[in-house]
Protein backbone atom coordinates (compact mmCIF):
# COMPACT_ATOMS: atom_id res chain seq x y z
CA MET A 1 -32.98 27.06 -3.47
CA ALA A 2 -36.41 27.93 -2.12
CA GLY A 3 -39.11 30.02 -3.77
CA ASN A 4 -39.55 28.27 -7.12
CA SER A 5 -43.29 27.68 -6.66
CA PHE A 6 -46.21 30.11 -6.64
CA GLY A 7 -49.83 29.46 -5.71
CA THR A 8 -51.79 27.29 -3.27
CA LEU A 9 -54.31 25.14 -5.18
CA PHE A 10 -53.39 26.36 -8.64
CA LYS A 11 -49.61 26.23 -8.44
CA LEU A 12 -46.68 26.79 -10.80
CA THR A 13 -43.22 25.40 -10.13
CA SER A 14 -40.67 26.59 -12.68
CA PHE A 15 -37.12 25.52 -13.49
CA GLY A 16 -34.23 26.40 -15.78
CA GLU A 17 -31.70 29.13 -16.47
CA SER A 18 -31.38 31.81 -19.13
CA HIS A 19 -28.55 30.02 -20.97
CA GLY A 20 -29.30 26.44 -19.95
CA GLN A 21 -30.69 23.83 -22.31
CA ALA A 22 -34.31 24.70 -21.54
CA ILE A 23 -36.70 26.35 -19.14
CA GLY A 24 -39.97 24.81 -18.06
CA GLY A 25 -42.41 24.08 -15.32
CA VAL A 26 -45.09 21.97 -13.71
CA ILE A 27 -48.61 23.30 -13.19
CA ASP A 28 -50.61 21.63 -10.42
CA GLY A 29 -54.27 22.03 -9.53
CA VAL A 30 -55.95 22.12 -12.92
CA PRO A 31 -59.20 20.09 -12.79
CA SER A 32 -59.80 17.35 -15.35
CA ASN A 33 -61.77 17.74 -18.59
CA VAL A 34 -61.06 21.45 -19.00
CA PRO A 35 -60.72 22.37 -22.70
CA LEU A 36 -57.23 23.78 -23.22
CA SER A 37 -55.85 25.38 -26.36
CA ILE A 38 -52.08 25.07 -26.76
CA GLU A 39 -52.37 27.62 -29.59
CA LEU A 40 -53.66 30.27 -27.17
CA ILE A 41 -50.78 29.52 -24.80
CA GLN A 42 -48.37 29.98 -27.70
CA GLU A 43 -50.01 33.30 -28.62
CA ASP A 44 -49.22 34.66 -25.16
CA LEU A 45 -45.65 33.35 -25.35
CA ASP A 46 -45.28 35.16 -28.67
CA ARG A 47 -46.32 38.41 -26.95
CA ARG A 48 -43.48 37.97 -24.43
CA ARG A 49 -40.75 36.45 -26.61
CA PRO A 50 -37.54 38.35 -27.40
CA GLY A 51 -36.83 39.66 -30.88
CA GLN A 52 -40.47 40.54 -31.62
CA SER A 53 -39.82 44.17 -32.60
CA ALA A 54 -37.09 46.73 -33.18
CA ILE A 55 -37.33 48.15 -29.64
CA VAL A 56 -36.69 44.95 -27.68
CA THR A 57 -33.73 42.60 -27.22
CA GLN A 58 -32.74 40.95 -30.49
CA ARG A 59 -32.16 37.52 -28.93
CA LYS A 60 -34.00 35.24 -31.38
CA GLU A 61 -35.98 32.65 -29.44
CA SER A 62 -39.12 31.05 -30.88
CA ASP A 63 -40.27 30.21 -27.34
CA THR A 64 -42.19 27.23 -28.68
CA ILE A 65 -43.92 25.32 -25.91
CA GLN A 66 -43.76 21.54 -25.67
CA VAL A 67 -46.43 20.09 -23.36
CA LEU A 68 -45.19 16.88 -21.78
CA SER A 69 -48.14 15.79 -19.64
CA GLY A 70 -51.56 16.63 -18.28
CA VAL A 71 -53.30 17.31 -21.61
CA PHE A 72 -54.92 14.71 -23.86
CA GLU A 73 -57.13 15.24 -26.90
CA GLY A 74 -57.48 18.95 -26.18
CA LYS A 75 -58.56 18.56 -22.55
CA THR A 76 -56.79 18.49 -19.21
CA THR A 77 -56.50 15.10 -17.51
CA GLY A 78 -56.29 16.37 -13.94
CA ALA A 79 -52.63 15.31 -13.78
CA PRO A 80 -49.83 17.88 -13.45
CA ILE A 81 -49.21 19.80 -16.67
CA GLY A 82 -45.51 19.55 -17.45
CA PHE A 83 -43.92 21.69 -20.16
CA ILE A 84 -40.56 22.83 -21.50
CA ILE A 85 -39.37 25.68 -23.72
CA GLN A 86 -36.03 25.12 -25.40
CA ASN A 87 -33.31 27.79 -25.29
CA SER A 88 -31.96 27.91 -28.82
CA ASN A 89 -30.22 31.26 -29.26
CA GLN A 90 -27.88 31.68 -26.31
CA LYS A 91 -24.70 33.66 -26.82
CA SER A 92 -22.96 32.87 -23.57
CA GLY A 93 -19.75 34.43 -24.83
CA ASP A 94 -21.43 37.83 -24.49
CA TYR A 95 -21.11 37.39 -20.71
CA GLU A 96 -17.50 36.22 -20.37
CA HIS A 97 -16.43 39.77 -19.51
CA ILE A 98 -18.59 39.75 -16.34
CA LYS A 99 -17.60 36.28 -15.14
CA ASP A 100 -15.96 37.76 -12.05
CA VAL A 101 -17.60 41.20 -12.08
CA TYR A 102 -20.84 42.34 -10.45
CA ARG A 103 -23.13 44.40 -12.68
CA PRO A 104 -24.72 47.43 -10.93
CA SER A 105 -28.37 46.91 -9.91
CA HIS A 106 -28.37 43.26 -11.02
CA ALA A 107 -28.72 40.19 -8.79
CA ASP A 108 -25.05 39.29 -9.40
CA PHE A 109 -23.68 40.45 -6.03
CA THR A 110 -26.54 39.28 -3.81
CA TYR A 111 -26.90 35.93 -5.60
CA ASP A 112 -23.19 35.18 -5.28
CA LYS A 113 -23.10 36.12 -1.60
CA LYS A 114 -26.20 34.04 -0.80
CA TYR A 115 -25.43 30.85 -2.74
CA GLY A 116 -21.65 30.96 -3.09
CA ASN A 117 -21.87 30.51 -6.84
CA ARG A 118 -23.26 32.39 -9.84
CA ASP A 119 -24.27 31.51 -13.37
CA TYR A 120 -23.06 34.68 -15.05
CA ARG A 121 -24.55 33.72 -18.44
CA GLY A 122 -27.47 36.11 -18.69
CA GLY A 123 -28.14 35.97 -14.97
CA GLY A 124 -28.87 32.25 -14.83
CA ARG A 125 -31.85 31.50 -12.61
CA SER A 126 -32.37 35.17 -11.73
CA SER A 127 -32.87 36.07 -15.40
CA ALA A 128 -36.20 37.45 -16.62
CA ARG A 129 -36.24 34.56 -19.10
CA GLU A 130 -37.90 32.55 -16.31
CA THR A 131 -41.03 34.67 -16.77
CA ALA A 132 -41.88 32.69 -19.92
CA CYS A 133 -42.89 29.88 -17.55
CA ARG A 134 -45.25 32.25 -15.75
CA VAL A 135 -46.80 33.21 -19.08
CA VAL A 136 -47.59 29.55 -19.75
CA ALA A 137 -49.30 29.09 -16.38
CA GLY A 138 -51.08 32.41 -16.79
CA ALA A 139 -52.36 31.43 -20.23
CA VAL A 140 -53.79 28.22 -18.76
CA ALA A 141 -55.41 30.22 -15.97
CA LYS A 142 -56.81 32.82 -18.38
CA GLN A 143 -58.55 30.14 -20.41
CA MET A 144 -60.22 28.79 -17.28
CA LEU A 145 -61.12 32.28 -16.04
CA ALA A 146 -62.63 33.17 -19.43
CA GLY A 147 -65.07 30.30 -18.91
CA LEU A 148 -66.12 32.04 -15.69
CA GLY A 149 -66.60 35.38 -17.44
CA ILE A 150 -63.40 36.91 -16.05
CA LYS A 151 -61.32 38.98 -18.49
CA ILE A 152 -57.84 40.41 -17.82
CA ASN A 153 -56.31 43.25 -19.87
CA ALA A 154 -52.95 44.88 -19.20
CA TYR A 155 -51.38 47.69 -21.21
CA VAL A 156 -48.50 50.14 -21.12
CA ASP A 157 -49.60 53.17 -19.16
CA GLN A 158 -46.29 55.02 -18.98
CA ILE A 159 -42.76 55.06 -20.40
CA GLY A 160 -40.37 57.59 -18.89
CA ASP A 161 -42.34 60.78 -18.33
CA LEU A 162 -44.90 59.94 -21.02
CA ARG A 163 -48.09 58.76 -19.31
CA ILE A 164 -51.70 58.26 -20.35
CA PRO A 165 -53.71 61.17 -18.85
CA SER A 166 -56.14 60.12 -16.13
CA ASP A 167 -59.09 61.48 -18.11
CA ALA A 168 -58.08 59.86 -21.44
CA PHE A 169 -60.36 57.31 -23.11
CA VAL A 170 -58.66 53.92 -23.18
CA ASP A 171 -59.81 51.52 -25.90
CA LEU A 172 -58.60 48.10 -24.78
CA SER A 173 -59.03 46.74 -28.32
CA LEU A 174 -56.05 48.87 -29.41
CA ILE A 175 -53.48 47.36 -27.03
CA GLU A 176 -51.96 45.01 -29.59
CA THR A 177 -52.06 47.47 -32.52
CA ASN A 178 -48.59 48.92 -31.80
CA ILE A 179 -45.25 47.57 -30.59
CA VAL A 180 -45.38 49.57 -27.36
CA ARG A 181 -48.76 48.08 -26.36
CA CYS A 182 -50.20 51.44 -25.39
CA PRO A 183 -53.93 51.77 -26.26
CA VAL A 184 -53.63 55.50 -27.02
CA PRO A 185 -52.16 55.52 -30.57
CA GLU A 186 -50.75 59.07 -30.58
CA LEU A 187 -49.01 58.52 -27.26
CA ALA A 188 -47.77 55.10 -28.39
CA LEU A 189 -45.85 56.74 -31.23
CA GLU A 190 -44.21 59.17 -28.81
CA MET A 191 -43.30 56.29 -26.51
CA GLU A 192 -41.76 54.34 -29.37
CA GLU A 193 -39.67 57.34 -30.42
CA LEU A 194 -38.51 57.80 -26.83
CA VAL A 195 -37.41 54.16 -26.51
CA ARG A 196 -35.53 54.37 -29.82
CA ALA A 197 -33.75 57.54 -28.68
CA VAL A 198 -32.81 55.97 -25.35
CA ARG A 199 -31.47 52.89 -27.09
CA LYS A 200 -29.37 55.07 -29.42
CA ASP A 201 -27.81 56.64 -26.32
CA GLY A 202 -26.88 53.20 -25.02
CA ASP A 203 -29.22 53.77 -22.10
CA THR A 204 -32.47 52.27 -20.76
CA ILE A 205 -35.77 53.59 -19.47
CA GLY A 206 -38.55 52.43 -17.15
CA GLY A 207 -42.31 52.73 -17.17
CA ALA A 208 -45.57 51.36 -15.82
CA ILE A 209 -48.25 48.86 -16.79
CA ALA A 210 -51.92 49.22 -15.90
CA CYS A 211 -54.08 46.12 -15.53
CA VAL A 212 -57.87 45.93 -15.30
CA VAL A 213 -59.89 42.78 -14.55
CA HIS A 214 -63.59 42.59 -15.37
CA GLY A 215 -66.09 39.97 -14.24
CA VAL A 216 -64.56 39.04 -10.89
CA PRO A 217 -67.29 37.71 -8.58
CA VAL A 218 -67.77 38.88 -5.01
CA GLY A 219 -65.88 36.82 -2.45
CA LEU A 220 -62.36 36.06 -3.70
CA GLY A 221 -59.69 36.54 -1.06
CA ASP A 222 -59.56 36.35 2.73
CA PRO A 223 -59.50 39.15 5.30
CA VAL A 224 -56.19 38.59 7.12
CA PHE A 225 -52.92 37.40 5.58
CA ASP A 226 -54.38 36.09 2.32
CA LYS A 227 -55.97 39.32 1.16
CA LEU A 228 -56.60 39.27 -2.59
CA HIS A 229 -54.76 42.53 -3.17
CA ALA A 230 -51.84 41.35 -1.01
CA ASP A 231 -51.41 38.23 -3.15
CA LEU A 232 -51.70 40.33 -6.32
CA GLY A 233 -49.04 42.63 -4.91
CA LYS A 234 -46.69 39.73 -4.16
CA ALA A 235 -47.29 38.34 -7.65
CA MET A 236 -46.45 41.62 -9.35
CA LEU A 237 -43.46 42.41 -7.14
CA SER A 238 -42.02 38.97 -7.96
CA ILE A 239 -41.65 40.00 -11.62
CA ASN A 240 -38.12 41.04 -12.60
CA ALA A 241 -37.53 44.83 -12.57
CA VAL A 242 -40.78 45.67 -10.76
CA LYS A 243 -40.29 48.41 -8.15
CA GLY A 244 -43.85 49.40 -7.29
CA PHE A 245 -47.44 48.17 -7.05
CA GLU A 246 -50.69 49.94 -6.33
CA TYR A 247 -54.35 49.10 -6.74
CA GLY A 248 -57.48 51.19 -6.77
CA SER A 249 -56.69 54.77 -5.80
CA GLY A 250 -53.19 53.69 -4.80
CA PHE A 251 -50.93 56.43 -3.50
CA GLN A 252 -53.31 59.06 -4.83
CA GLY A 253 -55.75 57.97 -2.12
CA SER A 254 -53.23 59.01 0.53
CA GLY A 255 -54.04 62.64 -0.24
CA MET A 256 -57.82 62.27 -0.14
CA ARG A 257 -60.41 62.62 2.61
CA GLY A 258 -62.63 59.72 3.57
CA SER A 259 -65.68 61.65 2.41
CA GLU A 260 -64.10 61.73 -1.07
CA HIS A 261 -62.68 58.22 -1.06
CA ASN A 262 -65.50 56.05 0.30
CA ASP A 263 -67.28 53.99 -2.38
CA GLN A 264 -71.03 54.38 -1.87
CA ILE A 265 -72.82 51.02 -2.03
CA LEU A 266 -75.94 51.09 -4.22
CA SER A 267 -79.11 49.03 -3.86
CA ASP A 268 -77.87 46.39 -6.33
CA GLY A 269 -74.68 45.86 -4.32
CA LYS A 270 -72.50 47.73 -6.81
CA THR A 271 -70.57 50.85 -5.83
CA LYS A 272 -70.97 54.37 -7.19
CA THR A 273 -67.20 54.84 -7.43
CA ASN A 274 -64.31 52.38 -7.41
CA PHE A 275 -61.51 53.91 -5.39
CA SER A 276 -61.23 50.50 -3.67
CA GLY A 277 -60.08 48.97 -6.94
CA GLY A 278 -62.49 46.06 -6.71
CA VAL A 279 -61.20 44.81 -3.35
CA GLN A 280 -62.47 45.68 0.13
CA GLY A 281 -61.18 44.09 3.32
CA GLY A 282 -59.01 41.83 1.18
CA ILE A 283 -62.08 40.37 -0.57
CA SER A 284 -63.29 41.12 -4.10
CA ASN A 285 -66.50 43.19 -4.19
CA GLY A 286 -67.55 42.52 -7.78
CA ALA A 287 -66.28 45.81 -9.22
CA PRO A 288 -63.45 45.82 -11.78
CA ILE A 289 -60.05 45.24 -10.21
CA TYR A 290 -57.60 47.93 -11.23
CA MET A 291 -53.89 47.84 -10.49
CA ARG A 292 -50.72 49.53 -11.67
CA VAL A 293 -47.19 48.08 -11.77
CA GLY A 294 -44.01 50.18 -11.96
CA PHE A 295 -40.86 48.91 -13.71
CA LYS A 296 -37.35 50.29 -13.25
CA PRO A 297 -35.02 50.94 -16.19
CA VAL A 298 -33.21 47.80 -17.34
CA ALA A 299 -29.94 47.57 -15.42
CA THR A 300 -27.71 46.55 -18.34
CA LEU A 301 -26.53 49.62 -20.25
CA MET A 302 -24.50 49.85 -23.43
CA GLN A 303 -22.22 52.17 -21.48
CA ASP A 304 -19.28 51.68 -19.13
CA GLN A 305 -20.20 51.59 -15.44
CA GLU A 306 -17.98 51.47 -12.37
CA SER A 307 -18.42 48.44 -10.10
CA ILE A 308 -16.40 45.84 -8.20
CA ASN A 309 -15.25 42.31 -8.94
CA SER A 310 -15.52 39.19 -6.79
CA LYS A 311 -12.31 40.19 -4.95
CA GLY A 312 -13.75 43.58 -4.05
CA ASP A 313 -11.52 45.49 -6.43
CA VAL A 314 -12.97 48.49 -8.24
CA THR A 315 -13.37 47.79 -11.94
CA THR A 316 -15.33 48.85 -15.02
CA VAL A 317 -18.30 46.94 -16.44
CA SER A 318 -18.56 47.34 -20.19
CA GLY A 319 -21.94 47.25 -21.92
CA LYS A 320 -22.22 44.24 -24.22
CA GLY A 321 -24.80 41.75 -25.49
CA ARG A 322 -28.48 41.86 -26.43
CA HIS A 323 -30.79 43.61 -24.00
CA ASP A 324 -34.07 45.51 -23.86
CA PRO A 325 -33.79 49.30 -23.72
CA CYS A 326 -37.25 49.16 -22.08
CA VAL A 327 -38.74 45.95 -20.74
CA VAL A 328 -42.26 47.33 -20.27
CA PRO A 329 -43.90 46.37 -23.61
CA ARG A 330 -42.84 42.72 -23.27
CA ALA A 331 -43.95 42.63 -19.63
CA VAL A 332 -47.62 43.36 -20.39
CA VAL A 333 -48.44 39.68 -20.85
CA ILE A 334 -46.43 38.77 -17.73
CA VAL A 335 -48.57 41.11 -15.62
CA GLU A 336 -51.69 39.51 -17.10
CA ALA A 337 -50.29 36.04 -16.36
CA MET A 338 -49.51 36.73 -12.71
CA ALA A 339 -52.94 38.32 -12.19
CA ALA A 340 -54.57 35.26 -13.75
CA ILE A 341 -52.62 32.82 -11.57
CA VAL A 342 -53.67 34.66 -8.40
CA LEU A 343 -57.32 35.02 -9.41
CA LEU A 344 -57.75 31.38 -10.45
CA ASP A 345 -55.99 30.20 -7.31
CA HIS A 346 -58.33 32.28 -5.15
CA TYR A 347 -61.35 31.14 -7.14
CA LEU A 348 -60.46 27.48 -6.50
CA ARG A 349 -59.78 28.25 -2.84
CA SER A 350 -63.15 30.00 -2.52
CA LYS A 351 -64.85 26.70 -3.38
CA THR A 352 -63.52 25.19 -0.14
CA THR A 353 -64.89 27.85 2.25
CA GLN A 354 -68.53 26.74 2.43
CA LEU A 355 -70.30 23.38 2.49
């Protein structure tokens, strides 16, 4: 199976399945003697872990990281950082009823047709549980980026038809003050009520996450295939359930005139506006990078759905097991992690472009 690694100089290779013994990974490219806090990595894992609130899946995993290599006495050694996270609360029996049935809008059908086999226990390798490995690598990257003055903040911008107004004041310090991770408290309460109502109906709902990055220097990214925004887009679209990505003005810019959209460059090199979203010509321009990531509703419903089995016969898929009614609040830290991996990778690559 290809596609288990992400990054060029700073690279994550992950392994493991949702209901296997453990998941884990190897992080390459971290320089030696970098102070690294395992506690901060664990804090990010706790933001992603299941069972953290009443509106997420009730699978109880501690998601405790065990670092196997690459860190000694609180600093990196320059060797690959190996880690594992044990799976301790699998209920594989919850998936026996779909052993030979394809769930609508899951990877079941395509995975089986491509590889000729399928781990039906929670989706196996295609499960979103793999994203815990990304959170680890992202937490390592965020600690290094913080030393460069780069700060990444993601938050829930929308759930269903509830969205933060474009002119609303967003206080980033409020992101972690509610279980929805929306920095507008009044709207967060409405979002929470909506998710609870959807869950009661046995249904699911989608939403969007906004991410803003401050402190990015000019010059990250390349102008052809390795554009910074293109790599950010690939990173975000590789996250389970993501259906859309935009940065800067995004699709709104499609309805604007150039005279409205152009970012005037001021005498200090900064721009008067930031419709470019901090990236021009594929290269960071020093302005904040702003992006938005859209998530579909979780495909597993607590309702019966018509589908087919492995023989092609029409059958019914019954809703069963522990699943998120809305994955968006838990995905905030995953969006941050993928942004961090891309930015650190491009920062390290930028150091090789000039003598």
